[in-house]
């Protein structure tokens, strides 16, 4: 099992941010018929990568264990759902887990069922640049005031304002503490709202985290938007990876990346939920080649070793099942 040194404990300001985000109400869960669900899986926003990975899991393992989606705003809310017993397994970024576990015993005890893809910090700016320091009079800019800033590299963000969505709110602030760029953050409740703020001149960049390729980013045009390059050396567990978005002219583009994990509470060995999670874990490992080679989300190709959990304790269920534990009774 690969072990990486976690990020430093977050200061009170970041814990306050996490508390505010995790207290946000989750979207209504999809209706689940009583007795038809073996495991409730905390996923993410509709159309994003977490939801697509869940669909792949259900496609290859649904005959062995019935999976039902619990929609959410993403990894931070998924940790809250797991802690509140509103989900049985869930997906989350490693940096979010590392930060939350310092103040939440239930998060600290979570175990890794499976390593997943990395989430990339997508930083967007306007191709033509943004106005800053403009004097406003009766809601309109005064001609000749302000200046135009063009953001192409992460260091160009010094002293500027950005709109951050979801897990990018923590990721961006963590990087700002690391590099001291004094970026000002406005939280946005969706990618669409963040882009509106960028076009209106309220911010000079957008921060959003998602696995590659992002459906939203893939629809944007390079005559309006530019992907900002991240070329700094980040602290562990972050890394820099290169990906392509031809629609934005971004080839071998460097992104800040954070690993994801499929997580489970430490269920009682031999109990019903322990056995169900063990079935899912064993099934995903068994079908990993299929997930990587078939018509599934490309994020599966990033999984190198099924036990690479970055220092998070591995869920032991599959090993117990292999040793002869009785398979769980399936709901009909």
C-alpha atoms as a PDB file:
ATOM      1  CA  UNK A   1       0.000   0.000   0.000  1.00  0.00           C
ATOM      2  CA  UNK A   2       1.449   3.338  -1.028  1.00  0.00           C
ATOM      3  CA  UNK A   3       1.636   5.853   1.798  1.00  0.00           C
ATOM      4  CA  UNK A   4       2.003   9.586   1.282  1.00  0.00           C
ATOM      5  CA  UNK A   5       2.476  12.257   3.924  1.00  0.00           C
ATOM      6  CA  UNK A   6      -0.890  14.094   4.244  1.00  0.00           C
ATOM      7  CA  UNK A   7      -1.216  17.837   3.907  1.00  0.00           C
ATOM      8  CA  UNK A   8      -0.683  19.909   7.018  1.00  0.00           C
ATOM      9  CA  UNK A   9      -3.610  20.423   9.348  1.00  0.00           C
ATOM     10  CA  UNK A  10      -5.868  23.195   8.147  1.00  0.00           C
ATOM     11  CA  UNK A  11      -6.188  26.438  10.140  1.00  0.00           C
ATOM     12  CA  UNK A  12      -9.450  27.549  11.701  1.00  0.00           C
ATOM     13  CA  UNK A  13     -10.463  29.465   8.569  1.00  0.00           C
ATOM     14  CA  UNK A  14     -10.430  26.299   6.470  1.00  0.00           C
ATOM     15  CA  UNK A  15     -12.320  24.335   9.119  1.00  0.00           C
ATOM     16  CA  UNK A  16     -14.932  27.095   9.156  1.00  0.00           C
ATOM     17  CA  UNK A  17     -15.217  26.782   5.381  1.00  0.00           C
ATOM     18  CA  UNK A  18     -15.592  23.017   5.615  1.00  0.00           C
ATOM     19  CA  UNK A  19     -18.244  23.323   8.310  1.00  0.00           C
ATOM     20  CA  UNK A  20     -20.219  25.800   6.216  1.00  0.00           C
ATOM     21  CA  UNK A  21     -20.029  23.627   3.111  1.00  0.00           C
ATOM     22  CA  UNK A  22     -20.882  20.358   4.854  1.00  0.00           C
ATOM     23  CA  UNK A  23     -23.914  21.991   6.503  1.00  0.00           C
ATOM     24  CA  UNK A  24     -25.445  22.772   3.130  1.00  0.00           C
ATOM     25  CA  UNK A  25     -28.528  20.687   2.505  1.00  0.00           C
ATOM     26  CA  UNK A  26     -28.032  17.788   0.139  1.00  0.00           C
ATOM     27  CA  UNK A  27     -30.197  17.608  -2.982  1.00  0.00           C
ATOM     28  CA  UNK A  28     -33.158  15.249  -2.609  1.00  0.00           C
ATOM     29  CA  UNK A  29     -31.972  11.677  -3.023  1.00  0.00           C
ATOM     30  CA  UNK A  30     -33.332   9.573  -5.835  1.00  0.00           C
ATOM     31  CA  UNK A  31     -36.297   7.509  -4.615  1.00  0.00           C
ATOM     32  CA  UNK A  32     -35.250   3.986  -3.660  1.00  0.00           C
ATOM     33  CA  UNK A  33     -37.802   1.208  -3.283  1.00  0.00           C
ATOM     34  CA  UNK A  34     -37.766  -0.379   0.152  1.00  0.00           C
ATOM     35  CA  UNK A  35     -35.794  -3.621   0.221  1.00  0.00           C
ATOM     36  CA  UNK A  36     -34.245  -3.132  -3.232  1.00  0.00           C
ATOM     37  CA  UNK A  37     -30.911  -1.584  -2.281  1.00  0.00           C
ATOM     38  CA  UNK A  38     -27.891  -3.408  -0.834  1.00  0.00           C
ATOM     39  CA  UNK A  39     -25.598  -0.347  -0.729  1.00  0.00           C
ATOM     40  CA  UNK A  40     -26.378   3.357  -0.918  1.00  0.00           C
ATOM     41  CA  UNK A  41     -23.515   5.103  -2.732  1.00  0.00           C
ATOM     42  CA  UNK A  42     -22.884   8.825  -2.144  1.00  0.00           C
ATOM     43  CA  UNK A  43     -21.965  10.099  -5.621  1.00  0.00           C
ATOM     44  CA  UNK A  44     -21.959  13.707  -6.853  1.00  0.00           C
ATOM     45  CA  UNK A  45     -23.648  16.284  -9.088  1.00  0.00           C
ATOM     46  CA  UNK A  46     -25.618  14.990 -12.030  1.00  0.00           C
ATOM     47  CA  UNK A  47     -23.567  14.649 -15.204  1.00  0.00           C
ATOM     48  CA  UNK A  48     -20.192  14.883 -13.449  1.00  0.00           C
ATOM     49  CA  UNK A  49     -17.547  12.180 -13.128  1.00  0.00           C
ATOM     50  CA  UNK A  50     -18.567  10.762  -9.737  1.00  0.00           C
ATOM     51  CA  UNK A  51     -22.007   9.976 -11.135  1.00  0.00           C
ATOM     52  CA  UNK A  52     -20.486   8.401 -14.245  1.00  0.00           C
ATOM     53  CA  UNK A  53     -18.151   6.201 -12.175  1.00  0.00           C
ATOM     54  CA  UNK A  54     -21.120   5.074 -10.102  1.00  0.00           C
ATOM     55  CA  UNK A  55     -22.956   4.086 -13.283  1.00  0.00           C
ATOM     56  CA  UNK A  56     -19.913   2.015 -14.321  1.00  0.00           C
ATOM     57  CA  UNK A  57     -19.790   0.303 -10.926  1.00  0.00           C
ATOM     58  CA  UNK A  58     -23.440  -0.604 -11.164  1.00  0.00           C
ATOM     59  CA  UNK A  59     -22.975  -1.834 -14.730  1.00  0.00           C
ATOM     60  CA  UNK A  60     -20.245  -4.363 -13.873  1.00  0.00           C
ATOM     61  CA  UNK A  61     -21.215  -5.249 -10.285  1.00  0.00           C
ATOM     62  CA  UNK A  62     -24.990  -4.714 -10.161  1.00  0.00           C
ATOM     63  CA  UNK A  63     -25.672  -8.429 -10.538  1.00  0.00           C
ATOM     64  CA  UNK A  64     -23.605  -9.165  -7.427  1.00  0.00           C
ATOM     65  CA  UNK A  65     -24.667  -6.310  -5.143  1.00  0.00           C
ATOM     66  CA  UNK A  66     -27.497  -3.830  -5.731  1.00  0.00           C
ATOM     67  CA  UNK A  67     -26.215  -0.235  -5.768  1.00  0.00           C
ATOM     68  CA  UNK A  68     -28.357   2.885  -5.374  1.00  0.00           C
ATOM     69  CA  UNK A  69     -27.148   6.449  -5.911  1.00  0.00           C
ATOM     70  CA  UNK A  70     -27.358   9.143  -3.254  1.00  0.00           C
ATOM     71  CA  UNK A  71     -26.789  12.392  -5.212  1.00  0.00           C
ATOM     72  CA  UNK A  72     -24.799  15.156  -3.535  1.00  0.00           C
ATOM     73  CA  UNK A  73     -22.700  18.232  -4.244  1.00  0.00           C
ATOM     74  CA  UNK A  74     -19.500  16.122  -4.163  1.00  0.00           C
ATOM     75  CA  UNK A  75     -16.859  14.655  -1.884  1.00  0.00           C
ATOM     76  CA  UNK A  76     -17.231  16.957   1.115  1.00  0.00           C
ATOM     77  CA  UNK A  77     -20.940  16.347   1.350  1.00  0.00           C
ATOM     78  CA  UNK A  78     -20.344  12.631   0.775  1.00  0.00           C
ATOM     79  CA  UNK A  79     -18.223  12.513   3.946  1.00  0.00           C
ATOM     80  CA  UNK A  80     -21.097  14.100   5.835  1.00  0.00           C
ATOM     81  CA  UNK A  81     -23.549  11.588   4.360  1.00  0.00           C
ATOM     82  CA  UNK A  82     -21.319   8.706   5.459  1.00  0.00           C
ATOM     83  CA  UNK A  83     -20.945  10.179   8.944  1.00  0.00           C
ATOM     84  CA  UNK A  84     -24.731  10.609   9.230  1.00  0.00           C
ATOM     85  CA  UNK A  85     -25.429   7.030   8.022  1.00  0.00           C
ATOM     86  CA  UNK A  86     -27.277   8.404   4.988  1.00  0.00           C
ATOM     87  CA  UNK A  87     -24.932   6.485   2.671  1.00  0.00           C
ATOM     88  CA  UNK A  88     -23.069   3.183   3.025  1.00  0.00           C
ATOM     89  CA  UNK A  89     -20.108   3.974   0.747  1.00  0.00           C
ATOM     90  CA  UNK A  90     -19.077   7.181  -0.959  1.00  0.00           C
ATOM     91  CA  UNK A  91     -16.530   8.941  -3.163  1.00  0.00           C
ATOM     92  CA  UNK A  92     -14.259  11.756  -1.959  1.00  0.00           C
ATOM     93  CA  UNK A  93     -10.964  13.531  -2.642  1.00  0.00           C
ATOM     94  CA  UNK A  94      -8.039  12.530  -0.455  1.00  0.00           C
ATOM     95  CA  UNK A  95      -7.231  16.136   0.526  1.00  0.00           C
ATOM     96  CA  UNK A  96     -10.795  16.630   1.767  1.00  0.00           C
ATOM     97  CA  UNK A  97     -10.530  13.459   3.853  1.00  0.00           C
ATOM     98  CA  UNK A  98      -7.144  14.554   5.243  1.00  0.00           C
ATOM     99  CA  UNK A  99      -8.577  17.909   6.329  1.00  0.00           C
ATOM    100  CA  UNK A 100     -11.882  16.648   7.724  1.00  0.00           C
ATOM    101  CA  UNK A 101     -10.397  13.766   9.716  1.00  0.00           C
ATOM    102  CA  UNK A 102      -8.594  16.153  12.076  1.00  0.00           C
ATOM    103  CA  UNK A 103     -11.915  17.276  13.517  1.00  0.00           C
ATOM    104  CA  UNK A 104     -14.242  14.342  12.866  1.00  0.00           C
ATOM    105  CA  UNK A 105     -13.694  10.886  14.362  1.00  0.00           C
ATOM    106  CA  UNK A 106     -16.116   9.240  11.916  1.00  0.00           C
ATOM    107  CA  UNK A 107     -14.108  10.561   8.955  1.00  0.00           C
ATOM    108  CA  UNK A 108     -10.825   9.509  10.555  1.00  0.00           C
ATOM    109  CA  UNK A 109     -12.111   5.915  10.812  1.00  0.00           C
ATOM    110  CA  UNK A 110     -13.191   5.634   7.162  1.00  0.00           C
ATOM    111  CA  UNK A 111     -11.518   2.905   5.106  1.00  0.00           C
ATOM    112  CA  UNK A 112     -10.599   2.804   1.419  1.00  0.00           C
ATOM    113  CA  UNK A 113     -12.558   0.312  -0.660  1.00  0.00           C
ATOM    114  CA  UNK A 114     -10.843   1.253  -3.916  1.00  0.00           C
ATOM    115  CA  UNK A 115      -8.532   3.980  -5.252  1.00  0.00           C
ATOM    116  CA  UNK A 116     -10.048   5.985  -8.082  1.00  0.00           C
ATOM    117  CA  UNK A 117      -9.076   8.633 -10.620  1.00  0.00           C
ATOM    118  CA  UNK A 118      -7.598  12.023  -9.757  1.00  0.00           C
ATOM    119  CA  UNK A 119      -9.702  15.175  -9.684  1.00  0.00           C
ATOM    120  CA  UNK A 120      -8.082  18.042 -11.604  1.00  0.00           C
ATOM    121  CA  UNK A 121      -8.261  21.685 -10.613  1.00  0.00           C
ATOM    122  CA  UNK A 122      -9.555  23.348 -13.784  1.00  0.00           C
ATOM    123  CA  UNK A 123      -8.728  27.070 -13.698  1.00  0.00           C
ATOM    124  CA  UNK A 124     -10.486  29.139 -16.365  1.00  0.00           C
ATOM    125  CA  UNK A 125      -9.897  32.759 -17.382  1.00  0.00           C
ATOM    126  CA  UNK A 126     -11.212  34.946 -20.201  1.00  0.00           C
ATOM    127  CA  UNK A 127      -9.111  34.775 -23.351  1.00  0.00           C
ATOM    128  CA  UNK A 128      -9.386  38.533 -23.871  1.00  0.00           C
ATOM    129  CA  UNK A 129      -8.548  39.278 -20.241  1.00  0.00           C
ATOM    130  CA  UNK A 130     -10.544  40.817 -17.400  1.00  0.00           C
ATOM    131  CA  UNK A 131     -10.902  44.334 -16.061  1.00  0.00           C
ATOM    132  CA  UNK A 132      -9.788  45.032 -12.489  1.00  0.00           C
ATOM    133  CA  UNK A 133      -9.873  48.200 -10.435  1.00  0.00           C
ATOM    134  CA  UNK A 134     -12.606  49.753 -12.565  1.00  0.00           C
ATOM    135  CA  UNK A 135     -14.558  52.605 -10.955  1.00  0.00           C
ATOM    136  CA  UNK A 136     -18.304  52.004 -11.091  1.00  0.00           C
ATOM    137  CA  UNK A 137     -20.861  54.830 -11.229  1.00  0.00           C
ATOM    138  CA  UNK A 138     -24.573  54.039 -11.116  1.00  0.00           C
ATOM    139  CA  UNK A 139     -23.738  50.440 -11.913  1.00  0.00           C
ATOM    140  CA  UNK A 140     -21.677  51.250 -15.005  1.00  0.00           C
ATOM    141  CA  UNK A 141     -17.877  51.329 -15.475  1.00  0.00           C
ATOM    142  CA  UNK A 142     -16.267  54.747 -15.751  1.00  0.00           C
ATOM    143  CA  UNK A 143     -14.259  54.971 -19.015  1.00  0.00           C
ATOM    144  CA  UNK A 144     -10.501  55.175 -18.573  1.00  0.00           C
ATOM    145  CA  UNK A 145     -10.478  53.575 -15.122  1.00  0.00           C
ATOM    146  CA  UNK A 146      -9.088  50.154 -14.210  1.00  0.00           C
ATOM    147  CA  UNK A 147      -6.737  47.900 -16.128  1.00  0.00           C
ATOM    148  CA  UNK A 148      -6.908  44.688 -18.121  1.00  0.00           C
ATOM    149  CA  UNK A 149      -5.281  41.540 -16.689  1.00  0.00           C
ATOM    150  CA  UNK A 150      -4.609  38.445 -18.790  1.00  0.00           C
ATOM    151  CA  UNK A 151      -4.313  35.229 -16.772  1.00  0.00           C
ATOM    152  CA  UNK A 152      -2.411  32.381 -18.428  1.00  0.00           C
ATOM    153  CA  UNK A 153      -0.374  30.873 -15.569  1.00  0.00           C
ATOM    154  CA  UNK A 154      -1.309  30.210 -11.958  1.00  0.00           C
ATOM    155  CA  UNK A 155       1.119  32.822 -10.666  1.00  0.00           C
ATOM    156  CA  UNK A 156      -0.774  35.462 -12.716  1.00  0.00           C
ATOM    157  CA  UNK A 157      -3.552  35.118 -10.123  1.00  0.00           C
ATOM    158  CA  UNK A 158      -1.616  37.054  -7.460  1.00  0.00           C
ATOM    159  CA  UNK A 159      -3.987  39.450  -5.720  1.00  0.00           C
ATOM    160  CA  UNK A 160      -6.901  38.639  -8.047  1.00  0.00           C
ATOM    161  CA  UNK A 161     -10.388  37.359  -7.251  1.00  0.00           C
ATOM    162  CA  UNK A 162     -11.693  33.934  -8.292  1.00  0.00           C
ATOM    163  CA  UNK A 163     -15.005  32.062  -8.096  1.00  0.00           C
ATOM    164  CA  UNK A 164     -14.496  28.587  -6.587  1.00  0.00           C
ATOM    165  CA  UNK A 165     -16.949  25.692  -6.884  1.00  0.00           C
ATOM    166  CA  UNK A 166     -17.302  22.701  -4.529  1.00  0.00           C
ATOM    167  CA  UNK A 167     -14.057  20.992  -3.514  1.00  0.00           C
ATOM    168  CA  UNK A 168     -12.080  23.691  -5.359  1.00  0.00           C
ATOM    169  CA  UNK A 169     -12.969  26.024  -2.483  1.00  0.00           C
ATOM    170  CA  UNK A 170     -10.742  23.985  -0.165  1.00  0.00           C
ATOM    171  CA  UNK A 171      -8.170  23.052  -2.806  1.00  0.00           C
ATOM    172  CA  UNK A 172      -7.715  26.667  -3.919  1.00  0.00           C
ATOM    173  CA  UNK A 173      -7.348  28.020  -0.399  1.00  0.00           C
ATOM    174  CA  UNK A 174      -4.862  25.274   0.457  1.00  0.00           C
ATOM    175  CA  UNK A 175      -2.711  26.257  -2.516  1.00  0.00           C
ATOM    176  CA  UNK A 176      -2.982  29.920  -1.595  1.00  0.00           C
ATOM    177  CA  UNK A 177      -1.618  29.135   1.858  1.00  0.00           C
ATOM    178  CA  UNK A 178       1.190  27.192   0.207  1.00  0.00           C
ATOM    179  CA  UNK A 179       2.269  29.877  -2.278  1.00  0.00           C
ATOM    180  CA  UNK A 180       1.118  33.095  -0.615  1.00  0.00           C
ATOM    181  CA  UNK A 181      -0.484  34.605  -3.730  1.00  0.00           C
ATOM    182  CA  UNK A 182      -3.210  36.331  -1.665  1.00  0.00           C
ATOM    183  CA  UNK A 183      -5.980  35.253  -4.000  1.00  0.00           C
ATOM    184  CA  UNK A 184      -9.468  36.372  -2.958  1.00  0.00           C
ATOM    185  CA  UNK A 185     -12.104  33.634  -3.107  1.00  0.00           C
ATOM    186  CA  UNK A 186     -15.826  33.916  -3.762  1.00  0.00           C
ATOM    187  CA  UNK A 187     -17.770  30.677  -3.344  1.00  0.00           C
ATOM    188  CA  UNK A 188     -20.079  29.737  -6.231  1.00  0.00           C
ATOM    189  CA  UNK A 189     -22.783  27.094  -5.956  1.00  0.00           C
ATOM    190  CA  UNK A 190     -22.322  25.778  -9.509  1.00  0.00           C
ATOM    191  CA  UNK A 191     -19.953  25.895 -12.473  1.00  0.00           C
ATOM    192  CA  UNK A 192     -22.541  27.822 -14.462  1.00  0.00           C
ATOM    193  CA  UNK A 193     -22.824  30.488 -11.757  1.00  0.00           C
ATOM    194  CA  UNK A 194     -19.012  30.772 -11.544  1.00  0.00           C
ATOM    195  CA  UNK A 195     -18.772  31.324 -15.306  1.00  0.00           C
ATOM    196  CA  UNK A 196     -21.473  34.004 -15.077  1.00  0.00           C
ATOM    197  CA  UNK A 197     -19.386  35.796 -12.445  1.00  0.00           C
ATOM    198  CA  UNK A 198     -16.324  35.579 -14.701  1.00  0.00           C
ATOM    199  CA  UNK A 199     -18.149  36.996 -17.734  1.00  0.00           C
ATOM    200  CA  UNK A 200     -19.657  39.798 -15.620  1.00  0.00           C
ATOM    201  CA  UNK A 201     -16.206  40.895 -14.451  1.00  0.00           C
ATOM    202  CA  UNK A 202     -16.882  40.055 -10.793  1.00  0.00           C
ATOM    203  CA  UNK A 203     -13.928  37.625 -10.742  1.00  0.00           C
ATOM    204  CA  UNK A 204     -10.877  37.088 -12.926  1.00  0.00           C
ATOM    205  CA  UNK A 205     -10.852  33.265 -12.904  1.00  0.00           C
ATOM    206  CA  UNK A 206     -12.948  30.185 -12.076  1.00  0.00           C
ATOM    207  CA  UNK A 207     -11.745  27.229  -9.958  1.00  0.00           C
ATOM    208  CA  UNK A 208     -13.591  23.920 -10.359  1.00  0.00           C
ATOM    209  CA  UNK A 209     -12.478  20.357  -9.629  1.00  0.00           C
ATOM    210  CA  UNK A 210     -13.554  17.411 -11.742  1.00  0.00           C
ATOM    211  CA  UNK A 211     -12.090  14.296 -13.297  1.00  0.00           C
ATOM    212  CA  UNK A 212     -10.818  14.390 -16.857  1.00  0.00           C
ATOM    213  CA  UNK A 213     -12.421  14.933 -19.283  1.00  0.00           C
ATOM    214  CA  UNK A 214     -14.938  17.413 -17.910  1.00  0.00           C
ATOM    215  CA  UNK A 215     -18.150  17.532 -19.991  1.00  0.00           C
ATOM    216  CA  UNK A 216     -18.519  21.250 -19.200  1.00  0.00           C
ATOM    217  CA  UNK A 217     -14.924  22.188 -20.069  1.00  0.00           C
ATOM    218  CA  UNK A 218     -15.134  20.117 -23.250  1.00  0.00           C
ATOM    219  CA  UNK A 219     -17.986  22.335 -24.494  1.00  0.00           C
ATOM    220  CA  UNK A 220     -16.208  25.683 -24.060  1.00  0.00           C
ATOM    221  CA  UNK A 221     -14.530  27.610 -26.902  1.00  0.00           C
ATOM    222  CA  UNK A 222     -11.023  29.032 -26.943  1.00  0.00           C
ATOM    223  CA  UNK A 223     -12.157  32.360 -28.393  1.00  0.00           C
ATOM    224  CA  UNK A 224     -13.805  33.055 -25.015  1.00  0.00           C
ATOM    225  CA  UNK A 225     -12.062  30.941 -22.370  1.00  0.00           C
ATOM    226  CA  UNK A 226      -8.487  29.884 -21.569  1.00  0.00           C
ATOM    227  CA  UNK A 227      -7.272  27.103 -19.273  1.00  0.00           C
ATOM    228  CA  UNK A 228      -4.694  28.412 -16.815  1.00  0.00           C
ATOM    229  CA  UNK A 229      -1.476  26.389 -16.453  1.00  0.00           C
ATOM    230  CA  UNK A 230      -0.402  25.054 -13.051  1.00  0.00           C
ATOM    231  CA  UNK A 231       3.380  24.575 -13.085  1.00  0.00           C
ATOM    232  CA  UNK A 232       4.269  24.976  -9.397  1.00  0.00           C
ATOM    233  CA  UNK A 233       5.488  22.092  -7.214  1.00  0.00           C
ATOM    234  CA  UNK A 234       2.551  21.227  -4.920  1.00  0.00           C
ATOM    235  CA  UNK A 235       2.694  19.583  -1.473  1.00  0.00           C
ATOM    236  CA  UNK A 236       1.648  15.955  -1.033  1.00  0.00           C
ATOM    237  CA  UNK A 237      -0.848  14.417  -1.630  1.00  0.00           C
ATOM    238  CA  UNK A 238      -1.277  16.726  -4.624  1.00  0.00           C
ATOM    239  CA  UNK A 239       0.539  16.182  -7.898  1.00  0.00           C
ATOM    240  CA  UNK A 240       0.744  17.777 -11.345  1.00  0.00           C
ATOM    241  CA  UNK A 241      -0.631  15.803 -14.303  1.00  0.00           C
ATOM    242  CA  UNK A 242      -0.934  16.676 -17.984  1.00  0.00           C
ATOM    243  CA  UNK A 243      -4.128  16.315 -20.010  1.00  0.00           C
ATOM    244  CA  UNK A 244      -5.567  17.644 -23.278  1.00  0.00           C
ATOM    245  CA  UNK A 245      -8.585  19.767 -24.206  1.00  0.00           C
ATOM    246  CA  UNK A 246      -8.334  20.340 -27.936  1.00  0.00           C
ATOM    247  CA  UNK A 247     -11.385  22.616 -27.930  1.00  0.00           C
ATOM    248  CA  UNK A 248      -9.417  25.085 -25.789  1.00  0.00           C
ATOM    249  CA  UNK A 249      -6.095  24.565 -27.529  1.00  0.00           C
ATOM    250  CA  UNK A 250      -4.706  22.980 -24.347  1.00  0.00           C
ATOM    251  CA  UNK A 251      -2.266  20.178 -25.216  1.00  0.00           C
ATOM    252  CA  UNK A 252      -0.093  18.567 -22.531  1.00  0.00           C
ATOM    253  CA  UNK A 253      -1.666  21.092 -20.200  1.00  0.00           C
ATOM    254  CA  UNK A 254      -0.466  20.890 -16.555  1.00  0.00           C
ATOM    255  CA  UNK A 255      -3.194  20.569 -13.908  1.00  0.00           C
ATOM    256  CA  UNK A 256      -3.064  20.333 -10.142  1.00  0.00           C
ATOM    257  CA  UNK A 257      -4.511  16.919  -9.235  1.00  0.00           C
ATOM    258  CA  UNK A 258      -5.826  15.242  -6.060  1.00  0.00           C
ATOM    259  CA  UNK A 259      -6.513  11.476  -5.771  1.00  0.00           C
ATOM    260  CA  UNK A 260     -10.013  10.148  -5.133  1.00  0.00           C
ATOM    261  CA  UNK A 261     -11.054   7.152  -3.054  1.00  0.00           C
ATOM    262  CA  UNK A 262     -14.155   5.004  -2.697  1.00  0.00           C
ATOM    263  CA  UNK A 263     -14.693   4.968   1.078  1.00  0.00           C
ATOM    264  CA  UNK A 264     -16.587   2.915   3.622  1.00  0.00           C
ATOM    265  CA  UNK A 265     -17.126   3.068   7.380  1.00  0.00           C
ATOM    266  CA  UNK A 266     -15.377   0.281   9.326  1.00  0.00           C
ATOM    267  CA  UNK A 267     -18.312  -2.106   9.394  1.00  0.00           C
ATOM    268  CA  UNK A 268     -18.293  -4.953  11.896  1.00  0.00           C
ATOM    269  CA  UNK A 269     -16.402  -7.914  10.449  1.00  0.00           C
ATOM    270  CA  UNK A 270     -18.821 -10.604   9.343  1.00  0.00           C
ATOM    271  CA  UNK A 271     -21.806  -8.257   9.521  1.00  0.00           C
ATOM    272  CA  UNK A 272     -24.274  -7.732   6.683  1.00  0.00           C
ATOM    273  CA  UNK A 273     -22.814  -4.425   5.466  1.00  0.00           C
ATOM    274  CA  UNK A 274     -19.254  -5.658   5.844  1.00  0.00           C
ATOM    275  CA  UNK A 275     -20.103  -8.548   3.516  1.00  0.00           C
ATOM    276  CA  UNK A 276     -21.891  -6.327   1.009  1.00  0.00           C
ATOM    277  CA  UNK A 277     -19.004  -3.857   0.776  1.00  0.00           C
ATOM    278  CA  UNK A 278     -16.609  -6.804   0.481  1.00  0.00           C
ATOM    279  CA  UNK A 279     -18.587  -8.110  -2.507  1.00  0.00           C
ATOM    280  CA  UNK A 280     -18.377  -4.690  -4.181  1.00  0.00           C
ATOM    281  CA  UNK A 281     -14.654  -4.396  -3.448  1.00  0.00           C
ATOM    282  CA  UNK A 282     -13.884  -7.858  -4.786  1.00  0.00           C
ATOM    283  CA  UNK A 283     -16.064  -7.279  -7.863  1.00  0.00           C
ATOM    284  CA  UNK A 284     -14.350  -3.987  -8.761  1.00  0.00           C
ATOM    285  CA  UNK A 285     -10.904  -5.554  -8.449  1.00  0.00           C
ATOM    286  CA  UNK A 286     -12.005  -8.537 -10.541  1.00  0.00           C
ATOM    287  CA  UNK A 287     -13.422  -6.327 -13.282  1.00  0.00           C
ATOM    288  CA  UNK A 288     -10.761  -3.593 -13.245  1.00  0.00           C
ATOM    289  CA  UNK A 289      -9.358  -4.715 -16.608  1.00  0.00           C
ATOM    290  CA  UNK A 290     -12.857  -4.583 -18.092  1.00  0.00           C
ATOM    291  CA  UNK A 291     -13.417  -1.083 -16.689  1.00  0.00           C
ATOM    292  CA  UNK A 292     -10.084   0.086 -18.083  1.00  0.00           C
ATOM    293  CA  UNK A 293     -10.411  -1.500 -21.520  1.00  0.00           C
ATOM    294  CA  UNK A 294     -14.132  -1.295 -22.222  1.00  0.00           C
ATOM    295  CA  UNK A 295     -16.424   1.613 -23.033  1.00  0.00           C
ATOM    296  CA  UNK A 296     -16.341   3.012 -19.522  1.00  0.00           C
ATOM    297  CA  UNK A 297     -15.177   6.335 -18.111  1.00  0.00           C
ATOM    298  CA  UNK A 298     -11.464   6.936 -18.859  1.00  0.00           C
ATOM    299  CA  UNK A 299     -10.850   7.710 -15.178  1.00  0.00           C
ATOM    300  CA  UNK A 300     -10.599   3.965 -14.520  1.00  0.00           C
ATOM    301  CA  UNK A 301      -7.391   3.886 -16.569  1.00  0.00           C
ATOM    302  CA  UNK A 302      -5.708   5.972 -13.873  1.00  0.00           C
ATOM    303  CA  UNK A 303      -6.022   3.184 -11.288  1.00  0.00           C
ATOM    304  CA  UNK A 304      -2.627   1.479 -11.173  1.00  0.00           C
ATOM    305  CA  UNK A 305      -2.861  -0.714  -8.071  1.00  0.00           C
ATOM    306  CA  UNK A 306      -6.127  -1.603  -6.340  1.00  0.00           C
ATOM    307  CA  UNK A 307      -4.476  -1.266  -2.911  1.00  0.00           C
ATOM    308  CA  UNK A 308      -2.859   2.145  -3.510  1.00  0.00           C
ATOM    309  CA  UNK A 309      -4.772   4.015  -0.815  1.00  0.00           C
ATOM    310  CA  UNK A 310      -2.312   6.837   0.017  1.00  0.00           C
ATOM    311  CA  UNK A 311      -2.068   5.997   3.711  1.00  0.00           C
ATOM    312  CA  UNK A 312      -5.818   5.494   4.304  1.00  0.00           C
ATOM    313  CA  UNK A 313      -6.509   2.105   5.886  1.00  0.00           C
ATOM    314  CA  UNK A 314      -7.684  -0.466   3.346  1.00  0.00           C
ATOM    315  CA  UNK A 315     -11.121  -2.002   3.842  1.00  0.00           C
ATOM    316  CA  UNK A 316     -10.301  -5.657   4.645  1.00  0.00           C
ATOM    317  CA  UNK A 317     -13.526  -7.190   3.420  1.00  0.00           C
ATOM    318  CA  UNK A 318     -12.423  -8.721   0.115  1.00  0.00           C
ATOM    319  CA  UNK A 319      -9.623 -10.607   1.821  1.00  0.00           C
ATOM    320  CA  UNK A 320     -12.073 -11.911   4.412  1.00  0.00           C
ATOM    321  CA  UNK A 321     -14.491 -13.008   1.701  1.00  0.00           C
ATOM    322  CA  UNK A 322     -11.715 -14.769  -0.177  1.00  0.00           C
ATOM    323  CA  UNK A 323     -10.802 -16.574   3.035  1.00  0.00           C
ATOM    324  CA  UNK A 324     -14.268 -18.117   3.062  1.00  0.00           C
ATOM    325  CA  UNK A 325     -16.713 -15.659   4.537  1.00  0.00           C
ATOM    326  CA  UNK A 326     -20.305 -16.315   3.551  1.00  0.00           C
ATOM    327  CA  UNK A 327     -21.613 -14.112   0.730  1.00  0.00           C
ATOM    328  CA  UNK A 328     -24.361 -11.672   1.744  1.00  0.00           C
ATOM    329  CA  UNK A 329     -27.973 -12.404   1.101  1.00  0.00           C
ATOM    330  CA  UNK A 330     -29.221 -10.400  -1.873  1.00  0.00           C
ATOM    331  CA  UNK A 331     -32.458  -8.460  -1.795  1.00  0.00           C
ATOM    332  CA  UNK A 332     -34.955  -9.583  -4.412  1.00  0.00           C
END
